[in-house]
Structure formats: C-alpha cells, structure tokens
C-alpha cells in the first residue's frame, strides 16, 4: 500500500513531472497542497509542521535548525539564481554602485529573506559594506517566530509598500524577489548584474541557492526508506536541470550561507555544516 505524504512545492520545469504524473512511485504518493507563492508555505511548515514535505528557503531552514525545529534537510535544490538583479534604486539616484550603499536606507520584505542574505554577504565581502553600515527597513517577521531583527533594522509603518517607498525616496534602495517591476524609473544598483553574478561564481564556484526541500523529522526517523524514495523522485523529475544535488554539491552553498548569516546577526549561535544534515539517513548522499 502506498504511503501518502502532504507536500508543499512550487511548480517548475524540474518539478513538472511530479505534478503531471510522469514521475511516480508505487510506494509513495504525493498529495500536493495549493500554495502560491510557495514562500507562504515556509512559516506554517516551520511553526506548525503543516506539511509532510515542503520547499523551503535556505535561510529559513538554517534559522529553523538553529532553533531546533523538527525538520530534516534533503539534498535537493529547487531554486538557485544570481541575486544582483534584485537590488534596485531609483533611476535618478546618486547611487552609482554597491559601495555607495554605506549609510543608505535599504528596504527588504524581511531581513531574514534569502535574497537579502546573499546580497548583504556580497556587499560586505566584495564591496566592503557591512550589514550594520546600512539602515534597513523590513515589512514582515521572519518565518521562524523566535527570530528578532537586529537593532539596525526598523519596521516599516503598517500598510506601507516597499516599491512605493522606493519610488517616493523613503528608502534609497530595495531588495526584491524574483518578480521585478518593469519600471523605467528604477534601475539596478549593480551596473552590470550579469558580470557581478559571474564574479560571484568565479569566487565561490556555485550559483547562490535559494530553495531546498525539507521533511518532517518524524518521517525521517520512522520512514527513511520513503525519504530515500522521495529524493529519487526529485532526481527523476529534475532530469538534466543544472541544479546542485547531493550533500557534496550543496556543501559550499550551505557553508557560505552559514558564514553570511552569522556575520549578519541571523543566527542565535554558530551551526556546524555537518549539523545541517542532522536526521538524514547516511545512505542519502
């Protein structure tokens, strides 16, 4: 008899086979929850274990691990991209490049957002502008309820809108997600985002990872064979998509994310990279 697991997952070319029935298992049935955008699944999964399996941002998972949430990370990547295109300012801004952000006001949906984590790390590492050297405005709490923004982050007024604040000059720059506005009044802070992404790749050897997959700890403990089967299904659906898969392939991204998050006051204590895989059966590599 096939087990049925409730799953929150975004629809991508590399997950389409799971949704349309081209990739199946006689042992495991995936019951897909309707969640859009998929980021709305992260807080319920972290706070209430709302699903058996869920897509999850890498920063959310690492914070969840730091606070001991009952989640186990799978070596499956669902989203990875260069981040520099997501940092915008007004077209008429005096900001001429990333180094000009020192002392500026930056808006971001949540300080804990993964895109913001990668961009702050790049700003500090490549351009010498540390997170605390900018004045941050956030609009939402972290998915992990225990986390509190650091003191250099203020909360936007109730009802405020990030893009509206940027257009009005109430923030000097803003970090957005993957859906960017087609607005001639805005431009990227990085003069050549593609070249900046290539520089990151040259420095670190990988494309920044945004979303991974987690499973409830109870399932990892009681049904490790089905967790292995789930990883197999993801691999079959992924096909030739250029996404890192496996612990070894993901190690550089997780290690750098942990370093960036510690530098940005996003973790209550350091986490060893080996701890990221706690609870995952050794045979799942």
C-alpha atoms as a PDB file:
ATOM      1  CA  UNK A   1       0.000   0.000   0.000  1.00  0.00           C
ATOM      2  CA  UNK A   2       1.375   3.415  -0.985  1.00  0.00           C
ATOM      3  CA  UNK A   3       2.062   5.995   1.727  1.00  0.00           C
ATOM      4  CA  UNK A   4       0.517   9.413   1.134  1.00  0.00           C
ATOM      5  CA  UNK A   5       2.518  12.499   2.073  1.00  0.00           C
ATOM      6  CA  UNK A   6       1.189  16.050   2.011  1.00  0.00           C
ATOM      7  CA  UNK A   7       3.576  18.221   0.014  1.00  0.00           C
ATOM      8  CA  UNK A   8       4.001  21.991  -0.496  1.00  0.00           C
ATOM      9  CA  UNK A   9       6.031  22.530  -3.631  1.00  0.00           C
ATOM     10  CA  UNK A  10       6.485  25.168  -6.310  1.00  0.00           C
ATOM     11  CA  UNK A  11       5.857  24.300  -9.948  1.00  0.00           C
ATOM     12  CA  UNK A  12       8.997  24.478 -12.068  1.00  0.00           C
ATOM     13  CA  UNK A  13      10.173  22.663 -15.188  1.00  0.00           C
ATOM     14  CA  UNK A  14      12.202  20.391 -12.904  1.00  0.00           C
ATOM     15  CA  UNK A  15       9.170  19.506 -10.730  1.00  0.00           C
ATOM     16  CA  UNK A  16       6.594  19.263 -13.528  1.00  0.00           C
ATOM     17  CA  UNK A  17       6.940  15.501 -13.765  1.00  0.00           C
ATOM     18  CA  UNK A  18       5.879  15.150 -10.139  1.00  0.00           C
ATOM     19  CA  UNK A  19       2.740  17.210 -10.705  1.00  0.00           C
ATOM     20  CA  UNK A  20       1.646  15.759 -14.034  1.00  0.00           C
ATOM     21  CA  UNK A  21       2.211  12.107 -13.170  1.00  0.00           C
ATOM     22  CA  UNK A  22       5.191  11.389 -15.402  1.00  0.00           C
ATOM     23  CA  UNK A  23       7.299  10.643 -12.288  1.00  0.00           C
ATOM     24  CA  UNK A  24       5.599   8.369  -9.761  1.00  0.00           C
ATOM     25  CA  UNK A  25       6.324   5.680  -7.194  1.00  0.00           C
ATOM     26  CA  UNK A  26       4.333   2.585  -6.210  1.00  0.00           C
ATOM     27  CA  UNK A  27       5.477   3.196  -2.624  1.00  0.00           C
ATOM     28  CA  UNK A  28       4.831   6.917  -2.148  1.00  0.00           C
ATOM     29  CA  UNK A  29       2.013   9.198  -3.296  1.00  0.00           C
ATOM     30  CA  UNK A  30       2.489  12.965  -3.171  1.00  0.00           C
ATOM     31  CA  UNK A  31      -0.615  14.940  -2.215  1.00  0.00           C
ATOM     32  CA  UNK A  32       0.115  18.496  -3.356  1.00  0.00           C
ATOM     33  CA  UNK A  33      -1.191  21.434  -1.357  1.00  0.00           C
ATOM     34  CA  UNK A  34      -2.163  24.528  -3.324  1.00  0.00           C
ATOM     35  CA  UNK A  35       0.183  27.252  -2.065  1.00  0.00           C
ATOM     36  CA  UNK A  36       1.075  30.302  -4.139  1.00  0.00           C
ATOM     37  CA  UNK A  37       3.535  31.852  -3.918  1.00  0.00           C
ATOM     38  CA  UNK A  38       5.362  28.913  -2.405  1.00  0.00           C
ATOM     39  CA  UNK A  39       7.001  31.163   0.205  1.00  0.00           C
ATOM     40  CA  UNK A  40       3.635  31.151   2.013  1.00  0.00           C
ATOM     41  CA  UNK A  41       4.302  27.537   2.955  1.00  0.00           C
ATOM     42  CA  UNK A  42       7.521  28.273   4.829  1.00  0.00           C
ATOM     43  CA  UNK A  43       6.163  29.773   8.060  1.00  0.00           C
ATOM     44  CA  UNK A  44       3.408  27.136   8.506  1.00  0.00           C
ATOM     45  CA  UNK A  45       5.972  24.394   7.939  1.00  0.00           C
ATOM     46  CA  UNK A  46       8.469  25.854  10.405  1.00  0.00           C
ATOM     47  CA  UNK A  47       5.947  26.809  13.055  1.00  0.00           C
ATOM     48  CA  UNK A  48       3.340  24.056  12.826  1.00  0.00           C
ATOM     49  CA  UNK A  49       4.797  21.256  10.641  1.00  0.00           C
ATOM     50  CA  UNK A  50       1.842  21.930   8.348  1.00  0.00           C
ATOM     51  CA  UNK A  51       3.064  19.535   5.634  1.00  0.00           C
ATOM     52  CA  UNK A  52       4.993  16.296   5.480  1.00  0.00           C
ATOM     53  CA  UNK A  53       7.355  17.726   2.872  1.00  0.00           C
ATOM     54  CA  UNK A  54       7.937  21.355   1.926  1.00  0.00           C
ATOM     55  CA  UNK A  55      10.060  23.520  -0.261  1.00  0.00           C
ATOM     56  CA  UNK A  56      11.983  25.942   1.952  1.00  0.00           C
ATOM     57  CA  UNK A  57      14.353  28.878   1.584  1.00  0.00           C
ATOM     58  CA  UNK A  58      17.886  28.068   2.683  1.00  0.00           C
ATOM     59  CA  UNK A  59      17.981  30.951   5.192  1.00  0.00           C
ATOM     60  CA  UNK A  60      14.662  29.855   6.697  1.00  0.00           C
ATOM     61  CA  UNK A  61      15.871  26.292   7.109  1.00  0.00           C
ATOM     62  CA  UNK A  62      19.166  27.296   8.723  1.00  0.00           C
ATOM     63  CA  UNK A  63      17.315  29.527  11.189  1.00  0.00           C
ATOM     64  CA  UNK A  64      14.876  26.666  11.833  1.00  0.00           C
ATOM     65  CA  UNK A  65      17.793  24.344  12.529  1.00  0.00           C
ATOM     66  CA  UNK A  66      19.342  26.890  14.905  1.00  0.00           C
ATOM     67  CA  UNK A  67      16.085  26.986  16.889  1.00  0.00           C
ATOM     68  CA  UNK A  68      15.693  23.212  16.924  1.00  0.00           C
ATOM     69  CA  UNK A  69      12.656  22.875  14.687  1.00  0.00           C
ATOM     70  CA  UNK A  70      11.732  19.254  13.813  1.00  0.00           C
ATOM     71  CA  UNK A  71      12.752  19.433  10.155  1.00  0.00           C
ATOM     72  CA  UNK A  72      15.304  17.440   8.177  1.00  0.00           C
ATOM     73  CA  UNK A  73      17.021  18.855   5.104  1.00  0.00           C
ATOM     74  CA  UNK A  74      17.079  16.866   1.873  1.00  0.00           C
ATOM     75  CA  UNK A  75      19.943  17.236  -0.655  1.00  0.00           C
ATOM     76  CA  UNK A  76      17.556  18.627  -3.274  1.00  0.00           C
ATOM     77  CA  UNK A  77      17.735  22.114  -4.799  1.00  0.00           C
ATOM     78  CA  UNK A  78      14.590  23.664  -6.265  1.00  0.00           C
ATOM     79  CA  UNK A  79      15.763  27.235  -6.919  1.00  0.00           C
ATOM     80  CA  UNK A  80      19.167  28.807  -7.452  1.00  0.00           C
ATOM     81  CA  UNK A  81      19.977  32.105  -9.118  1.00  0.00           C
ATOM     82  CA  UNK A  82      22.300  35.060  -9.129  1.00  0.00           C
ATOM     83  CA  UNK A  83      20.941  37.799  -6.873  1.00  0.00           C
ATOM     84  CA  UNK A  84      22.380  41.094  -8.082  1.00  0.00           C
ATOM     85  CA  UNK A  85      19.473  41.962 -10.381  1.00  0.00           C
ATOM     86  CA  UNK A  86      17.147  42.110  -7.335  1.00  0.00           C
ATOM     87  CA  UNK A  87      18.791  45.184  -5.734  1.00  0.00           C
ATOM     88  CA  UNK A  88      17.154  48.307  -7.172  1.00  0.00           C
ATOM     89  CA  UNK A  89      17.334  52.066  -6.724  1.00  0.00           C
ATOM     90  CA  UNK A  90      15.660  54.988  -8.470  1.00  0.00           C
ATOM     91  CA  UNK A  91      16.970  55.776 -11.920  1.00  0.00           C
ATOM     92  CA  UNK A  92      17.792  59.339 -10.775  1.00  0.00           C
ATOM     93  CA  UNK A  93      19.596  58.170  -7.618  1.00  0.00           C
ATOM     94  CA  UNK A  94      23.072  59.387  -6.764  1.00  0.00           C
ATOM     95  CA  UNK A  95      23.973  55.757  -6.015  1.00  0.00           C
ATOM     96  CA  UNK A  96      26.496  54.702  -8.649  1.00  0.00           C
ATOM     97  CA  UNK A  97      27.353  51.271  -7.370  1.00  0.00           C
ATOM     98  CA  UNK A  98      27.201  48.926  -4.378  1.00  0.00           C
ATOM     99  CA  UNK A  99      29.889  50.776  -2.394  1.00  0.00           C
ATOM    100  CA  UNK A 100      27.618  53.840  -2.323  1.00  0.00           C
ATOM    101  CA  UNK A 101      25.119  51.981  -0.119  1.00  0.00           C
ATOM    102  CA  UNK A 102      27.107  52.675   3.052  1.00  0.00           C
ATOM    103  CA  UNK A 103      24.886  54.827   5.277  1.00  0.00           C
ATOM    104  CA  UNK A 104      21.882  54.437   2.958  1.00  0.00           C
ATOM    105  CA  UNK A 105      18.357  53.258   3.735  1.00  0.00           C
ATOM    106  CA  UNK A 106      17.588  49.833   2.278  1.00  0.00           C
ATOM    107  CA  UNK A 107      14.149  48.234   2.144  1.00  0.00           C
ATOM    108  CA  UNK A 108      13.560  44.473   2.124  1.00  0.00           C
ATOM    109  CA  UNK A 109      10.434  42.361   2.619  1.00  0.00           C
ATOM    110  CA  UNK A 110      12.013  40.617   5.608  1.00  0.00           C
ATOM    111  CA  UNK A 111      15.544  40.959   6.961  1.00  0.00           C
ATOM    112  CA  UNK A 112      15.655  37.145   7.068  1.00  0.00           C
ATOM    113  CA  UNK A 113      14.815  36.826   3.346  1.00  0.00           C
ATOM    114  CA  UNK A 114      17.287  34.596   1.486  1.00  0.00           C
ATOM    115  CA  UNK A 115      17.888  37.017  -1.397  1.00  0.00           C
ATOM    116  CA  UNK A 116      18.729  39.711   1.157  1.00  0.00           C
ATOM    117  CA  UNK A 117      21.105  37.341   2.948  1.00  0.00           C
ATOM    118  CA  UNK A 118      23.047  36.613  -0.234  1.00  0.00           C
ATOM    119  CA  UNK A 119      23.139  40.272  -1.282  1.00  0.00           C
ATOM    120  CA  UNK A 120      24.293  41.519   2.123  1.00  0.00           C
ATOM    121  CA  UNK A 121      27.039  38.909   2.046  1.00  0.00           C
ATOM    122  CA  UNK A 122      28.140  40.074  -1.395  1.00  0.00           C
ATOM    123  CA  UNK A 123      28.055  43.719  -0.338  1.00  0.00           C
ATOM    124  CA  UNK A 124      30.264  43.008   2.676  1.00  0.00           C
ATOM    125  CA  UNK A 125      32.644  40.563   1.026  1.00  0.00           C
ATOM    126  CA  UNK A 126      33.127  42.233  -2.346  1.00  0.00           C
ATOM    127  CA  UNK A 127      32.340  45.899  -1.712  1.00  0.00           C
ATOM    128  CA  UNK A 128      33.275  46.386   1.939  1.00  0.00           C
ATOM    129  CA  UNK A 129      29.824  47.460   3.126  1.00  0.00           C
ATOM    130  CA  UNK A 130      28.733  45.500   6.210  1.00  0.00           C
ATOM    131  CA  UNK A 131      25.066  44.927   7.019  1.00  0.00           C
ATOM    132  CA  UNK A 132      25.166  47.202  10.067  1.00  0.00           C
ATOM    133  CA  UNK A 133      26.554  50.071   7.957  1.00  0.00           C
ATOM    134  CA  UNK A 134      23.180  50.420   6.258  1.00  0.00           C
ATOM    135  CA  UNK A 135      19.794  51.371   7.727  1.00  0.00           C
ATOM    136  CA  UNK A 136      17.348  48.561   6.966  1.00  0.00           C
ATOM    137  CA  UNK A 137      13.567  48.727   6.733  1.00  0.00           C
ATOM    138  CA  UNK A 138      11.645  45.437   6.869  1.00  0.00           C
ATOM    139  CA  UNK A 139       7.967  44.734   6.334  1.00  0.00           C
ATOM    140  CA  UNK A 140       7.443  41.210   7.716  1.00  0.00           C
ATOM    141  CA  UNK A 141       8.588  38.951  10.525  1.00  0.00           C
ATOM    142  CA  UNK A 142      10.858  36.000   9.845  1.00  0.00           C
ATOM    143  CA  UNK A 143       9.281  32.622   9.114  1.00  0.00           C
ATOM    144  CA  UNK A 144      10.935  31.381  12.314  1.00  0.00           C
ATOM    145  CA  UNK A 145       8.903  33.110  15.000  1.00  0.00           C
ATOM    146  CA  UNK A 146      11.715  33.213  17.584  1.00  0.00           C
ATOM    147  CA  UNK A 147      13.987  35.365  15.418  1.00  0.00           C
ATOM    148  CA  UNK A 148      14.157  39.106  16.047  1.00  0.00           C
ATOM    149  CA  UNK A 149      15.681  41.589  13.626  1.00  0.00           C
ATOM    150  CA  UNK A 150      18.938  43.224  14.754  1.00  0.00           C
ATOM    151  CA  UNK A 151      18.820  46.798  16.109  1.00  0.00           C
ATOM    152  CA  UNK A 152      19.839  48.420  12.815  1.00  0.00           C
ATOM    153  CA  UNK A 153      16.557  47.198  11.244  1.00  0.00           C
ATOM    154  CA  UNK A 154      13.340  49.147  11.683  1.00  0.00           C
ATOM    155  CA  UNK A 155       9.830  48.034  10.803  1.00  0.00           C
ATOM    156  CA  UNK A 156       8.005  49.932   8.069  1.00  0.00           C
ATOM    157  CA  UNK A 157       4.763  51.668   9.064  1.00  0.00           C
ATOM    158  CA  UNK A 158       1.652  49.494   8.908  1.00  0.00           C
ATOM    159  CA  UNK A 159       0.275  49.367   5.384  1.00  0.00           C
ATOM    160  CA  UNK A 160       3.448  50.665   3.770  1.00  0.00           C
ATOM    161  CA  UNK A 161       4.529  49.246   0.407  1.00  0.00           C
ATOM    162  CA  UNK A 162       8.170  48.564  -0.457  1.00  0.00           C
ATOM    163  CA  UNK A 163       8.033  49.699  -4.081  1.00  0.00           C
ATOM    164  CA  UNK A 164       6.017  52.780  -3.198  1.00  0.00           C
ATOM    165  CA  UNK A 165       8.597  53.753  -0.569  1.00  0.00           C
ATOM    166  CA  UNK A 166      11.406  53.287  -3.085  1.00  0.00           C
ATOM    167  CA  UNK A 167       9.665  55.383  -5.740  1.00  0.00           C
ATOM    168  CA  UNK A 168       8.931  58.102  -3.170  1.00  0.00           C
ATOM    169  CA  UNK A 169      12.544  58.191  -1.969  1.00  0.00           C
ATOM    170  CA  UNK A 170      11.644  56.968   1.519  1.00  0.00           C
ATOM    171  CA  UNK A 171      14.282  54.254   1.074  1.00  0.00           C
ATOM    172  CA  UNK A 172      17.341  54.645  -1.134  1.00  0.00           C
ATOM    173  CA  UNK A 173      17.374  51.096  -2.458  1.00  0.00           C
ATOM    174  CA  UNK A 174      15.282  47.951  -2.179  1.00  0.00           C
ATOM    175  CA  UNK A 175      15.797  44.205  -2.396  1.00  0.00           C
ATOM    176  CA  UNK A 176      13.002  42.495  -4.254  1.00  0.00           C
ATOM    177  CA  UNK A 177      12.289  38.883  -5.087  1.00  0.00           C
ATOM    178  CA  UNK A 178      12.351  37.178  -8.459  1.00  0.00           C
ATOM    179  CA  UNK A 179       9.434  39.173  -9.914  1.00  0.00           C
ATOM    180  CA  UNK A 180      10.871  42.586 -10.715  1.00  0.00           C
ATOM    181  CA  UNK A 181       8.860  45.601 -11.877  1.00  0.00           C
ATOM    182  CA  UNK A 182       9.166  46.813 -15.469  1.00  0.00           C
ATOM    183  CA  UNK A 183       9.669  50.438 -14.454  1.00  0.00           C
ATOM    184  CA  UNK A 184      11.946  52.891 -16.285  1.00  0.00           C
ATOM    185  CA  UNK A 185      12.071  54.944 -13.090  1.00  0.00           C
ATOM    186  CA  UNK A 186      14.109  52.193 -11.402  1.00  0.00           C
ATOM    187  CA  UNK A 187      17.472  50.587 -12.153  1.00  0.00           C
ATOM    188  CA  UNK A 188      19.802  48.043 -10.628  1.00  0.00           C
ATOM    189  CA  UNK A 189      22.390  49.185  -8.086  1.00  0.00           C
ATOM    190  CA  UNK A 190      24.885  46.864  -9.756  1.00  0.00           C
ATOM    191  CA  UNK A 191      25.764  48.470 -13.064  1.00  0.00           C
ATOM    192  CA  UNK A 192      26.191  45.054 -14.706  1.00  0.00           C
ATOM    193  CA  UNK A 193      24.323  42.411 -12.683  1.00  0.00           C
ATOM    194  CA  UNK A 194      25.368  39.611 -15.041  1.00  0.00           C
ATOM    195  CA  UNK A 195      29.050  40.453 -14.618  1.00  0.00           C
ATOM    196  CA  UNK A 196      28.608  40.665 -10.837  1.00  0.00           C
ATOM    197  CA  UNK A 197      26.974  37.234 -10.859  1.00  0.00           C
ATOM    198  CA  UNK A 198      29.854  35.863 -12.904  1.00  0.00           C
ATOM    199  CA  UNK A 199      32.255  37.343 -10.344  1.00  0.00           C
ATOM    200  CA  UNK A 200      30.419  35.521  -7.547  1.00  0.00           C
ATOM    201  CA  UNK A 201      30.602  32.271  -9.499  1.00  0.00           C
ATOM    202  CA  UNK A 202      34.310  32.775 -10.064  1.00  0.00           C
ATOM    203  CA  UNK A 203      34.906  33.442  -6.369  1.00  0.00           C
ATOM    204  CA  UNK A 204      32.789  30.660  -4.933  1.00  0.00           C
ATOM    205  CA  UNK A 205      32.196  28.120  -7.681  1.00  0.00           C
ATOM    206  CA  UNK A 206      28.410  27.939  -7.413  1.00  0.00           C
ATOM    207  CA  UNK A 207      25.212  29.840  -8.148  1.00  0.00           C
ATOM    208  CA  UNK A 208      23.546  31.036  -4.906  1.00  0.00           C
ATOM    209  CA  UNK A 209      20.944  28.550  -3.708  1.00  0.00           C
ATOM    210  CA  UNK A 210      17.544  29.935  -2.751  1.00  0.00           C
ATOM    211  CA  UNK A 211      15.210  26.986  -2.137  1.00  0.00           C
ATOM    212  CA  UNK A 212      15.782  23.442  -0.879  1.00  0.00           C
ATOM    213  CA  UNK A 213      13.408  20.731   0.411  1.00  0.00           C
ATOM    214  CA  UNK A 214      12.673  19.615   3.987  1.00  0.00           C
ATOM    215  CA  UNK A 215      10.743  16.735   5.511  1.00  0.00           C
ATOM    216  CA  UNK A 216       9.254  16.371   8.981  1.00  0.00           C
ATOM    217  CA  UNK A 217      11.707  14.789  11.423  1.00  0.00           C
ATOM    218  CA  UNK A 218       9.214  12.113  12.465  1.00  0.00           C
ATOM    219  CA  UNK A 219       9.056  10.834   8.886  1.00  0.00           C
ATOM    220  CA  UNK A 220      12.845  10.891   8.519  1.00  0.00           C
ATOM    221  CA  UNK A 221      13.068   8.804  11.696  1.00  0.00           C
ATOM    222  CA  UNK A 222      10.259   6.340  11.018  1.00  0.00           C
ATOM    223  CA  UNK A 223      10.407   6.010   7.218  1.00  0.00           C
ATOM    224  CA  UNK A 224      13.963   6.661   5.996  1.00  0.00           C
ATOM    225  CA  UNK A 225      13.352   4.326   3.045  1.00  0.00           C
ATOM    226  CA  UNK A 226      10.479   6.536   1.872  1.00  0.00           C
ATOM    227  CA  UNK A 227      12.616   9.658   2.312  1.00  0.00           C
ATOM    228  CA  UNK A 228      15.189   8.000   0.044  1.00  0.00           C
ATOM    229  CA  UNK A 229      12.401   7.219  -2.422  1.00  0.00           C
ATOM    230  CA  UNK A 230      11.312  10.863  -2.317  1.00  0.00           C
ATOM    231  CA  UNK A 231      14.851  12.007  -3.127  1.00  0.00           C
ATOM    232  CA  UNK A 232      14.843   9.556  -6.040  1.00  0.00           C
ATOM    233  CA  UNK A 233      11.605  11.065  -7.341  1.00  0.00           C
ATOM    234  CA  UNK A 234      13.064  14.564  -7.226  1.00  0.00           C
ATOM    235  CA  UNK A 235      16.138  13.362  -9.110  1.00  0.00           C
ATOM    236  CA  UNK A 236      13.998  11.714 -11.779  1.00  0.00           C
ATOM    237  CA  UNK A 237      11.914  14.858 -12.217  1.00  0.00           C
ATOM    238  CA  UNK A 238      14.983  17.119 -12.297  1.00  0.00           C
ATOM    239  CA  UNK A 239      16.463  15.367 -15.294  1.00  0.00           C
ATOM    240  CA  UNK A 240      19.263  17.469 -16.765  1.00  0.00           C
ATOM    241  CA  UNK A 241      18.359  20.718 -14.976  1.00  0.00           C
ATOM    242  CA  UNK A 242      21.529  22.497 -13.815  1.00  0.00           C
ATOM    243  CA  UNK A 243      20.790  22.452 -10.088  1.00  0.00           C
ATOM    244  CA  UNK A 244      23.158  21.168  -7.384  1.00  0.00           C
ATOM    245  CA  UNK A 245      22.035  17.855  -5.905  1.00  0.00           C
ATOM    246  CA  UNK A 246      23.633  15.807  -3.156  1.00  0.00           C
ATOM    247  CA  UNK A 247      25.374  16.741   0.067  1.00  0.00           C
ATOM    248  CA  UNK A 248      28.786  17.300  -1.510  1.00  0.00           C
ATOM    249  CA  UNK A 249      27.424  19.582  -4.239  1.00  0.00           C
ATOM    250  CA  UNK A 250      25.469  21.657  -1.707  1.00  0.00           C
ATOM    251  CA  UNK A 251      28.234  21.905   0.877  1.00  0.00           C
ATOM    252  CA  UNK A 252      29.834  25.142  -0.478  1.00  0.00           C
ATOM    253  CA  UNK A 253      26.492  26.957  -0.619  1.00  0.00           C
ATOM    254  CA  UNK A 254      25.451  25.879   2.875  1.00  0.00           C
ATOM    255  CA  UNK A 255      28.866  26.752   4.313  1.00  0.00           C
ATOM    256  CA  UNK A 256      28.823  30.233   2.801  1.00  0.00           C
ATOM    257  CA  UNK A 257      25.208  30.834   3.817  1.00  0.00           C
ATOM    258  CA  UNK A 258      26.099  29.915   7.394  1.00  0.00           C
ATOM    259  CA  UNK A 259      29.020  32.344   7.373  1.00  0.00           C
ATOM    260  CA  UNK A 260      26.996  35.157   5.859  1.00  0.00           C
ATOM    261  CA  UNK A 261      24.136  34.597   8.309  1.00  0.00           C
ATOM    262  CA  UNK A 262      26.462  34.655  11.306  1.00  0.00           C
ATOM    263  CA  UNK A 263      28.001  37.917  10.081  1.00  0.00           C
ATOM    264  CA  UNK A 264      24.548  39.421   9.561  1.00  0.00           C
ATOM    265  CA  UNK A 265      23.198  38.538  13.039  1.00  0.00           C
ATOM    266  CA  UNK A 266      20.723  35.998  11.661  1.00  0.00           C
ATOM    267  CA  UNK A 267      21.600  33.040  13.936  1.00  0.00           C
ATOM    268  CA  UNK A 268      21.427  32.703  17.744  1.00  0.00           C
ATOM    269  CA  UNK A 269      24.606  30.587  17.751  1.00  0.00           C
ATOM    270  CA  UNK A 270      27.020  29.132  15.188  1.00  0.00           C
ATOM    271  CA  UNK A 271      25.989  25.970  13.325  1.00  0.00           C
ATOM    272  CA  UNK A 272      28.492  23.417  12.044  1.00  0.00           C
ATOM    273  CA  UNK A 273      27.881  22.491   8.426  1.00  0.00           C
ATOM    274  CA  UNK A 274      27.555  18.823   9.405  1.00  0.00           C
ATOM    275  CA  UNK A 275      24.617  19.789  11.616  1.00  0.00           C
ATOM    276  CA  UNK A 276      22.685  20.976   8.561  1.00  0.00           C
ATOM    277  CA  UNK A 277      22.135  17.298   7.646  1.00  0.00           C
ATOM    278  CA  UNK A 278      21.195  16.089  11.127  1.00  0.00           C
ATOM    279  CA  UNK A 279      18.465  13.465  10.957  1.00  0.00           C
ATOM    280  CA  UNK A 280      19.072  12.480   7.332  1.00  0.00           C
ATOM    281  CA  UNK A 281      19.897   8.815   6.818  1.00  0.00           C
ATOM    282  CA  UNK A 282      23.557   8.274   5.977  1.00  0.00           C
ATOM    283  CA  UNK A 283      22.700   6.394   2.812  1.00  0.00           C
ATOM    284  CA  UNK A 284      21.057   9.509   1.322  1.00  0.00           C
ATOM    285  CA  UNK A 285      24.049  11.397  -0.030  1.00  0.00           C
END
